[in-house]
């Protein structure tokens, strides 16, 4: 198999088959969300720990998402 075919290169492709939450506009208003894509990350208790606009490479290996997950797990580990 050609390795280029196995690599998902766009954010849309990386999000395929992942859990996605669709929220009403009121939810976006509650967070004053005006820039997208938006990262909202919670700890294991559902407490919002990060709310920020995502960079273009946020989903890449070692990108913002990986860094945020590692930070949340280190700072607020599951019981």
PDB file of N, CA and C in Angstrom:
ATOM      1  N   UNK A   1       0.847  -1.179   0.000  1.00  0.00           N
ATOM      2  CA  UNK A   1       0.000   0.000   0.000  1.00  0.00           C
ATOM      3  C   UNK A   1       0.887   1.235   0.000  1.00  0.00           C
ATOM      4  N   UNK A   2       0.581   2.174  -0.818  1.00  0.00           N
ATOM      5  CA  UNK A   2       1.315   3.431  -0.864  1.00  0.00           C
ATOM      6  C   UNK A   2       1.049   4.196   0.429  1.00  0.00           C
ATOM      7  N   UNK A   3       2.138   4.555   1.130  1.00  0.00           N
ATOM      8  CA  UNK A   3       1.981   5.224   2.415  1.00  0.00           C
ATOM      9  C   UNK A   3       1.257   6.559   2.292  1.00  0.00           C
ATOM     10  N   UNK A   4       1.396   7.239   1.181  1.00  0.00           N
ATOM     11  CA  UNK A   4       0.715   8.516   0.976  1.00  0.00           C
ATOM     12  C   UNK A   4      -0.804   8.341   1.037  1.00  0.00           C
ATOM     13  N   UNK A   5      -1.289   7.209   0.595  1.00  0.00           N
ATOM     14  CA  UNK A   5      -2.733   6.972   0.620  1.00  0.00           C
ATOM     15  C   UNK A   5      -3.244   6.755   2.041  1.00  0.00           C
ATOM     16  N   UNK A   6      -2.394   6.262   2.940  1.00  0.00           N
ATOM     17  CA  UNK A   6      -2.814   5.955   4.299  1.00  0.00           C
ATOM     18  C   UNK A   6      -2.827   7.186   5.204  1.00  0.00           C
ATOM     19  N   UNK A   7      -2.131   8.231   4.815  1.00  0.00           N
ATOM     20  CA  UNK A   7      -2.030   9.424   5.649  1.00  0.00           C
ATOM     21  C   UNK A   7      -3.184  10.365   5.341  1.00  0.00           C
ATOM     22  N   UNK A   8      -3.913  10.728   6.376  1.00  0.00           N
ATOM     23  CA  UNK A   8      -5.005  11.684   6.214  1.00  0.00           C
ATOM     24  C   UNK A   8      -4.417  13.074   6.363  1.00  0.00           C
ATOM     25  N   UNK A   9      -4.479  13.860   5.306  1.00  0.00           N
ATOM     26  CA  UNK A   9      -3.742  15.109   5.287  1.00  0.00           C
ATOM     27  C   UNK A   9      -4.561  16.360   5.587  1.00  0.00           C
ATOM     28  N   UNK A  10      -5.859  16.260   5.590  1.00  0.00           N
ATOM     29  CA  UNK A  10      -6.657  17.453   5.845  1.00  0.00           C
ATOM     30  C   UNK A  10      -7.390  17.305   7.175  1.00  0.00           C
ATOM     31  N   UNK A  11      -7.705  18.419   7.823  1.00  0.00           N
ATOM     32  CA  UNK A  11      -8.459  18.319   9.087  1.00  0.00           C
ATOM     33  C   UNK A  11      -9.773  17.558   8.932  1.00  0.00           C
ATOM     34  N   UNK A  12     -10.477  17.794   7.832  1.00  0.00           N
ATOM     35  CA  UNK A  12     -11.738  17.077   7.609  1.00  0.00           C
ATOM     36  C   UNK A  12     -11.504  15.579   7.544  1.00  0.00           C
ATOM     37  N   UNK A  13     -10.447  15.164   6.856  1.00  0.00           N
ATOM     38  CA  UNK A  13     -10.144  13.736   6.735  1.00  0.00           C
ATOM     39  C   UNK A  13      -9.767  13.148   8.093  1.00  0.00           C
ATOM     40  N   UNK A  14      -9.036  13.904   8.896  1.00  0.00           N
ATOM     41  CA  UNK A  14      -8.640  13.410  10.215  1.00  0.00           C
ATOM     42  C   UNK A  14      -9.833  13.261  11.147  1.00  0.00           C
ATOM     43  N   UNK A  15     -10.861  14.058  10.943  1.00  0.00           N
ATOM     44  CA  UNK A  15     -12.041  13.984  11.802  1.00  0.00           C
ATOM     45  C   UNK A  15     -13.024  12.894  11.388  1.00  0.00           C
ATOM     46  N   UNK A  16     -12.835  12.323  10.196  1.00  0.00           N
ATOM     47  CA  UNK A  16     -13.739  11.271   9.744  1.00  0.00           C
ATOM     48  C   UNK A  16     -13.770  10.144  10.768  1.00  0.00           C
ATOM     49  N   UNK A  17     -14.954   9.642  11.029  1.00  0.00           N
ATOM     50  CA  UNK A  17     -15.176   8.517  11.944  1.00  0.00           C
ATOM     51  C   UNK A  17     -14.787   8.815  13.387  1.00  0.00           C
ATOM     52  N   UNK A  18     -14.703  10.084  13.769  1.00  0.00           N
ATOM     53  CA  UNK A  18     -14.445  10.433  15.165  1.00  0.00           C
ATOM     54  C   UNK A  18     -15.734  10.960  15.775  1.00  0.00           C
ATOM     55  N   UNK A  19     -15.857  10.871  17.105  1.00  0.00           N
ATOM     56  CA  UNK A  19     -17.050  11.429  17.738  1.00  0.00           C
ATOM     57  C   UNK A  19     -17.108  12.940  17.510  1.00  0.00           C
ATOM     58  N   UNK A  20     -18.248  13.433  17.134  1.00  0.00           N
ATOM     59  CA  UNK A  20     -18.435  14.853  16.890  1.00  0.00           C
ATOM     60  C   UNK A  20     -19.669  15.306  17.651  1.00  0.00           C
ATOM     61  N   UNK A  21     -19.551  16.439  18.292  1.00  0.00           N
ATOM     62  CA  UNK A  21     -20.682  16.989  19.026  1.00  0.00           C
ATOM     63  C   UNK A  21     -21.178  18.214  18.274  1.00  0.00           C
ATOM     64  N   UNK A  22     -22.434  18.185  17.924  1.00  0.00           N
ATOM     65  CA  UNK A  22     -23.071  19.332  17.282  1.00  0.00           C
ATOM     66  C   UNK A  22     -23.909  20.022  18.342  1.00  0.00           C
ATOM     67  N   UNK A  23     -23.647  21.298  18.510  1.00  0.00           N
ATOM     68  CA  UNK A  23     -24.331  22.042  19.563  1.00  0.00           C
ATOM     69  C   UNK A  23     -25.172  23.150  18.952  1.00  0.00           C
ATOM     70  N   UNK A  24     -26.209  23.577  19.666  1.00  0.00           N
ATOM     71  CA  UNK A  24     -27.027  24.683  19.162  1.00  0.00           C
ATOM     72  C   UNK A  24     -26.252  25.994  19.240  1.00  0.00           C
ATOM     73  N   UNK A  25     -26.693  26.986  18.511  1.00  0.00           N
ATOM     74  CA  UNK A  25     -26.046  28.295  18.495  1.00  0.00           C
ATOM     75  C   UNK A  25     -25.963  28.902  19.891  1.00  0.00           C
ATOM     76  N   UNK A  26     -26.915  28.594  20.741  1.00  0.00           N
ATOM     77  CA  UNK A  26     -26.893  29.128  22.103  1.00  0.00           C
ATOM     78  C   UNK A  26     -25.644  28.681  22.862  1.00  0.00           C
ATOM     79  N   UNK A  27     -25.191  27.470  22.594  1.00  0.00           N
ATOM     80  CA  UNK A  27     -23.972  26.977  23.240  1.00  0.00           C
ATOM     81  C   UNK A  27     -22.774  27.786  22.785  1.00  0.00           C
ATOM     82  N   UNK A  28     -22.698  28.048  21.500  1.00  0.00           N
ATOM     83  CA  UNK A  28     -21.603  28.869  20.976  1.00  0.00           C
ATOM     84  C   UNK A  28     -21.661  30.271  21.573  1.00  0.00           C
ATOM     85  N   UNK A  29     -22.857  30.792  21.712  1.00  0.00           N
ATOM     86  CA  UNK A  29     -23.022  32.117  22.317  1.00  0.00           C
ATOM     87  C   UNK A  29     -22.543  32.125  23.766  1.00  0.00           C
ATOM     88  N   UNK A  30     -22.803  31.047  24.497  1.00  0.00           N
ATOM     89  CA  UNK A  30     -22.390  30.969  25.899  1.00  0.00           C
ATOM     90  C   UNK A  30     -20.872  31.024  26.039  1.00  0.00           C
ATOM     91  N   UNK A  31     -20.155  30.504  25.037  1.00  0.00           N
ATOM     92  CA  UNK A  31     -18.695  30.543  25.043  1.00  0.00           C
ATOM     93  C   UNK A  31     -18.151  31.753  24.288  1.00  0.00           C
ATOM     94  N   UNK A  32     -19.035  32.609  23.796  1.00  0.00           N
ATOM     95  CA  UNK A  32     -18.634  33.766  22.980  1.00  0.00           C
ATOM     96  C   UNK A  32     -17.766  33.322  21.813  1.00  0.00           C
ATOM     97  N   UNK A  33     -18.125  32.198  21.225  1.00  0.00           N
ATOM     98  CA  UNK A  33     -17.349  31.627  20.126  1.00  0.00           C
ATOM     99  C   UNK A  33     -17.633  32.371  18.826  1.00  0.00           C
ATOM    100  N   UNK A  34     -16.587  32.946  18.278  1.00  0.00           N
ATOM    101  CA  UNK A  34     -16.728  33.652  17.004  1.00  0.00           C
ATOM    102  C   UNK A  34     -15.682  33.213  15.988  1.00  0.00           C
ATOM    103  N   UNK A  35     -14.626  32.530  16.436  1.00  0.00           N
ATOM    104  CA  UNK A  35     -13.585  32.023  15.548  1.00  0.00           C
ATOM    105  C   UNK A  35     -13.621  30.506  15.550  1.00  0.00           C
ATOM    106  N   UNK A  36     -13.440  29.933  14.379  1.00  0.00           N
ATOM    107  CA  UNK A  36     -13.507  28.479  14.243  1.00  0.00           C
ATOM    108  C   UNK A  36     -12.364  27.996  13.374  1.00  0.00           C
ATOM    109  N   UNK A  37     -11.907  26.771  13.522  1.00  0.00           N
ATOM    110  CA  UNK A  37     -12.400  25.750  14.448  1.00  0.00           C
ATOM    111  C   UNK A  37     -12.022  26.093  15.885  1.00  0.00           C
ATOM    112  N   UNK A  38     -12.841  25.624  16.787  1.00  0.00           N
ATOM    113  CA  UNK A  38     -12.697  25.936  18.202  1.00  0.00           C
ATOM    114  C   UNK A  38     -12.408  24.652  18.973  1.00  0.00           C
ATOM    115  N   UNK A  39     -11.413  24.710  19.845  1.00  0.00           N
ATOM    116  CA  UNK A  39     -11.100  23.575  20.710  1.00  0.00           C
ATOM    117  C   UNK A  39     -11.754  23.829  22.063  1.00  0.00           C
ATOM    118  N   UNK A  40     -12.581  22.892  22.489  1.00  0.00           N
ATOM    119  CA  UNK A  40     -13.121  22.895  23.842  1.00  0.00           C
ATOM    120  C   UNK A  40     -12.733  21.545  24.426  1.00  0.00           C
ATOM    121  N   UNK A  41     -11.873  21.565  25.433  1.00  0.00           N
ATOM    122  CA  UNK A  41     -11.390  20.316  26.024  1.00  0.00           C
ATOM    123  C   UNK A  41     -11.784  20.267  27.492  1.00  0.00           C
ATOM    124  N   UNK A  42     -12.267  19.117  27.910  1.00  0.00           N
ATOM    125  CA  UNK A  42     -12.675  18.930  29.301  1.00  0.00           C
ATOM    126  C   UNK A  42     -11.807  17.874  29.968  1.00  0.00           C
ATOM    127  N   UNK A  43     -11.812  17.897  31.286  1.00  0.00           N
ATOM    128  CA  UNK A  43     -11.151  16.816  32.016  1.00  0.00           C
ATOM    129  C   UNK A  43     -12.125  15.647  32.144  1.00  0.00           C
ATOM    130  N   UNK A  44     -11.726  14.620  32.869  1.00  0.00           N
ATOM    131  CA  UNK A  44     -12.569  13.425  32.989  1.00  0.00           C
ATOM    132  C   UNK A  44     -13.876  13.677  33.724  1.00  0.00           C
ATOM    133  N   UNK A  45     -13.971  14.808  34.440  1.00  0.00           N
ATOM    134  CA  UNK A  45     -15.211  15.164  35.130  1.00  0.00           C
ATOM    135  C   UNK A  45     -16.107  16.071  34.300  1.00  0.00           C
ATOM    136  N   UNK A  46     -15.662  16.416  33.101  1.00  0.00           N
ATOM    137  CA  UNK A  46     -16.461  17.274  32.243  1.00  0.00           C
ATOM    138  C   UNK A  46     -16.245  18.758  32.491  1.00  0.00           C
ATOM    139  N   UNK A  47     -15.247  19.108  33.286  1.00  0.00           N
ATOM    140  CA  UNK A  47     -14.942  20.514  33.545  1.00  0.00           C
ATOM    141  C   UNK A  47     -14.124  21.055  32.377  1.00  0.00           C
ATOM    142  N   UNK A  48     -14.567  22.163  31.809  1.00  0.00           N
ATOM    143  CA  UNK A  48     -13.848  22.753  30.676  1.00  0.00           C
ATOM    144  C   UNK A  48     -12.506  23.267  31.180  1.00  0.00           C
ATOM    145  N   UNK A  49     -11.431  22.781  30.561  1.00  0.00           N
ATOM    146  CA  UNK A  49     -10.073  23.175  30.946  1.00  0.00           C
ATOM    147  C   UNK A  49      -9.396  24.006  29.866  1.00  0.00           C
ATOM    148  N   UNK A  50      -9.821  23.859  28.618  1.00  0.00           N
ATOM    149  CA  UNK A  50      -9.221  24.616  27.514  1.00  0.00           C
ATOM    150  C   UNK A  50     -10.327  25.070  26.578  1.00  0.00           C
ATOM    151  N   UNK A  51     -10.238  26.324  26.182  1.00  0.00           N
ATOM    152  CA  UNK A  51     -11.157  26.900  25.200  1.00  0.00           C
ATOM    153  C   UNK A  51     -10.314  27.850  24.358  1.00  0.00           C
ATOM    154  N   UNK A  52     -10.024  27.438  23.126  1.00  0.00           N
ATOM    155  CA  UNK A  52      -9.181  28.257  22.268  1.00  0.00           C
ATOM    156  C   UNK A  52      -9.424  27.925  20.807  1.00  0.00           C
ATOM    157  N   UNK A  53      -9.070  28.859  19.964  1.00  0.00           N
ATOM    158  CA  UNK A  53      -9.153  28.643  18.524  1.00  0.00           C
ATOM    159  C   UNK A  53      -8.041  27.674  18.134  1.00  0.00           C
ATOM    160  N   UNK A  54      -8.357  26.729  17.272  1.00  0.00           N
ATOM    161  CA  UNK A  54      -7.381  25.730  16.834  1.00  0.00           C
ATOM    162  C   UNK A  54      -6.525  26.260  15.690  1.00  0.00           C
ATOM    163  N   UNK A  55      -5.262  25.869  15.717  1.00  0.00           N
ATOM    164  CA  UNK A  55      -4.379  26.203  14.604  1.00  0.00           C
ATOM    165  C   UNK A  55      -4.640  25.236  13.451  1.00  0.00           C
ATOM    166  N   UNK A  56      -4.059  25.519  12.308  1.00  0.00           N
ATOM    167  CA  UNK A  56      -4.258  24.666  11.128  1.00  0.00           C
ATOM    168  C   UNK A  56      -3.739  23.249  11.349  1.00  0.00           C
ATOM    169  N   UNK A  57      -2.728  23.076  12.184  1.00  0.00           N
ATOM    170  CA  UNK A  57      -2.149  21.747  12.400  1.00  0.00           C
ATOM    171  C   UNK A  57      -2.512  21.157  13.765  1.00  0.00           C
ATOM    172  N   UNK A  58      -3.590  21.624  14.358  1.00  0.00           N
ATOM    173  CA  UNK A  58      -3.986  21.179  15.706  1.00  0.00           C
ATOM    174  C   UNK A  58      -4.200  19.672  15.797  1.00  0.00           C
ATOM    175  N   UNK A  59      -4.648  19.055  14.712  1.00  0.00           N
ATOM    176  CA  UNK A  59      -4.948  17.622  14.741  1.00  0.00           C
ATOM    177  C   UNK A  59      -3.757  16.748  14.365  1.00  0.00           C
ATOM    178  N   UNK A  60      -2.672  17.350  13.935  1.00  0.00           N
ATOM    179  CA  UNK A  60      -1.493  16.583  13.530  1.00  0.00           C
ATOM    180  C   UNK A  60      -0.803  15.951  14.728  1.00  0.00           C
ATOM    181  N   UNK A  61      -0.003  14.919  14.466  1.00  0.00           N
ATOM    182  CA  UNK A  61       0.758  14.278  15.554  1.00  0.00           C
ATOM    183  C   UNK A  61       1.605  15.314  16.295  1.00  0.00           C
ATOM    184  N   UNK A  62       1.482  15.358  17.605  1.00  0.00           N
ATOM    185  CA  UNK A  62       2.223  16.314  18.405  1.00  0.00           C
ATOM    186  C   UNK A  62       1.660  17.723  18.374  1.00  0.00           C
ATOM    187  N   UNK A  63       0.535  17.898  17.709  1.00  0.00           N
ATOM    188  CA  UNK A  63      -0.094  19.214  17.586  1.00  0.00           C
ATOM    189  C   UNK A  63      -0.816  19.635  18.852  1.00  0.00           C
ATOM    190  N   UNK A  64      -1.585  20.701  18.735  1.00  0.00           N
ATOM    191  CA  UNK A  64      -2.278  21.270  19.896  1.00  0.00           C
ATOM    192  C   UNK A  64      -3.137  20.259  20.642  1.00  0.00           C
ATOM    193  N   UNK A  65      -3.875  19.449  19.905  1.00  0.00           N
ATOM    194  CA  UNK A  65      -4.773  18.490  20.566  1.00  0.00           C
ATOM    195  C   UNK A  65      -3.971  17.517  21.420  1.00  0.00           C
ATOM    196  N   UNK A  66      -2.898  16.950  20.858  1.00  0.00           N
ATOM    197  CA  UNK A  66      -2.062  16.033  21.634  1.00  0.00           C
ATOM    198  C   UNK A  66      -1.496  16.734  22.867  1.00  0.00           C
ATOM    199  N   UNK A  67      -1.022  17.952  22.709  1.00  0.00           N
ATOM    200  CA  UNK A  67      -0.433  18.697  23.824  1.00  0.00           C
ATOM    201  C   UNK A  67      -1.474  19.015  24.900  1.00  0.00           C
ATOM    202  N   UNK A  68      -2.670  19.385  24.475  1.00  0.00           N
ATOM    203  CA  UNK A  68      -3.749  19.696  25.419  1.00  0.00           C
ATOM    204  C   UNK A  68      -4.137  18.452  26.210  1.00  0.00           C
ATOM    205  N   UNK A  69      -4.282  17.336  25.531  1.00  0.00           N
ATOM    206  CA  UNK A  69      -4.653  16.085  26.206  1.00  0.00           C
ATOM    207  C   UNK A  69      -3.605  15.718  27.247  1.00  0.00           C
ATOM    208  N   UNK A  70      -2.332  15.797  26.877  1.00  0.00           N
ATOM    209  CA  UNK A  70      -1.267  15.455  27.810  1.00  0.00           C
ATOM    210  C   UNK A  70      -1.263  16.406  29.015  1.00  0.00           C
ATOM    211  N   UNK A  71      -1.494  17.691  28.760  1.00  0.00           N
ATOM    212  CA  UNK A  71      -1.536  18.666  29.855  1.00  0.00           C
ATOM    213  C   UNK A  71      -2.699  18.389  30.811  1.00  0.00           C
ATOM    214  N   UNK A  72      -3.860  18.135  30.249  1.00  0.00           N
ATOM    215  CA  UNK A  72      -5.027  17.861  31.094  1.00  0.00           C
ATOM    216  C   UNK A  72      -4.815  16.587  31.913  1.00  0.00           C
ATOM    217  N   UNK A  73      -4.299  15.544  31.287  1.00  0.00           N
ATOM    218  CA  UNK A  73      -4.069  14.299  32.029  1.00  0.00           C
ATOM    219  C   UNK A  73      -3.028  14.465  33.127  1.00  0.00           C
ATOM    220  N   UNK A  74      -1.996  15.271  32.865  1.00  0.00           N
ATOM    221  CA  UNK A  74      -0.954  15.482  33.879  1.00  0.00           C
ATOM    222  C   UNK A  74      -1.429  16.379  35.020  1.00  0.00           C
ATOM    223  N   UNK A  75      -2.234  17.377  34.684  1.00  0.00           N
ATOM    224  CA  UNK A  75      -2.660  18.359  35.679  1.00  0.00           C
ATOM    225  C   UNK A  75      -3.888  17.897  36.464  1.00  0.00           C
ATOM    226  N   UNK A  76      -4.810  17.257  35.795  1.00  0.00           N
ATOM    227  CA  UNK A  76      -6.050  16.790  36.425  1.00  0.00           C
ATOM    228  C   UNK A  76      -6.238  15.309  36.101  1.00  0.00           C
ATOM    229  N   UNK A  77      -5.415  14.431  36.658  1.00  0.00           N
ATOM    230  CA  UNK A  77      -5.508  13.008  36.308  1.00  0.00           C
ATOM    231  C   UNK A  77      -6.817  12.383  36.793  1.00  0.00           C
ATOM    232  N   UNK A  78      -7.281  11.376  36.061  1.00  0.00           N
ATOM    233  CA  UNK A  78      -8.497  10.671  36.529  1.00  0.00           C
ATOM    234  C   UNK A  78      -8.225  10.053  37.905  1.00  0.00           C
ATOM    235  N   UNK A  79      -9.262   9.978  38.705  1.00  0.00           N
ATOM    236  CA  UNK A  79      -9.121   9.409  40.064  1.00  0.00           C
ATOM    237  C   UNK A  79      -8.740   7.957  40.015  1.00  0.00           C
TER     238      UNK A  79
END
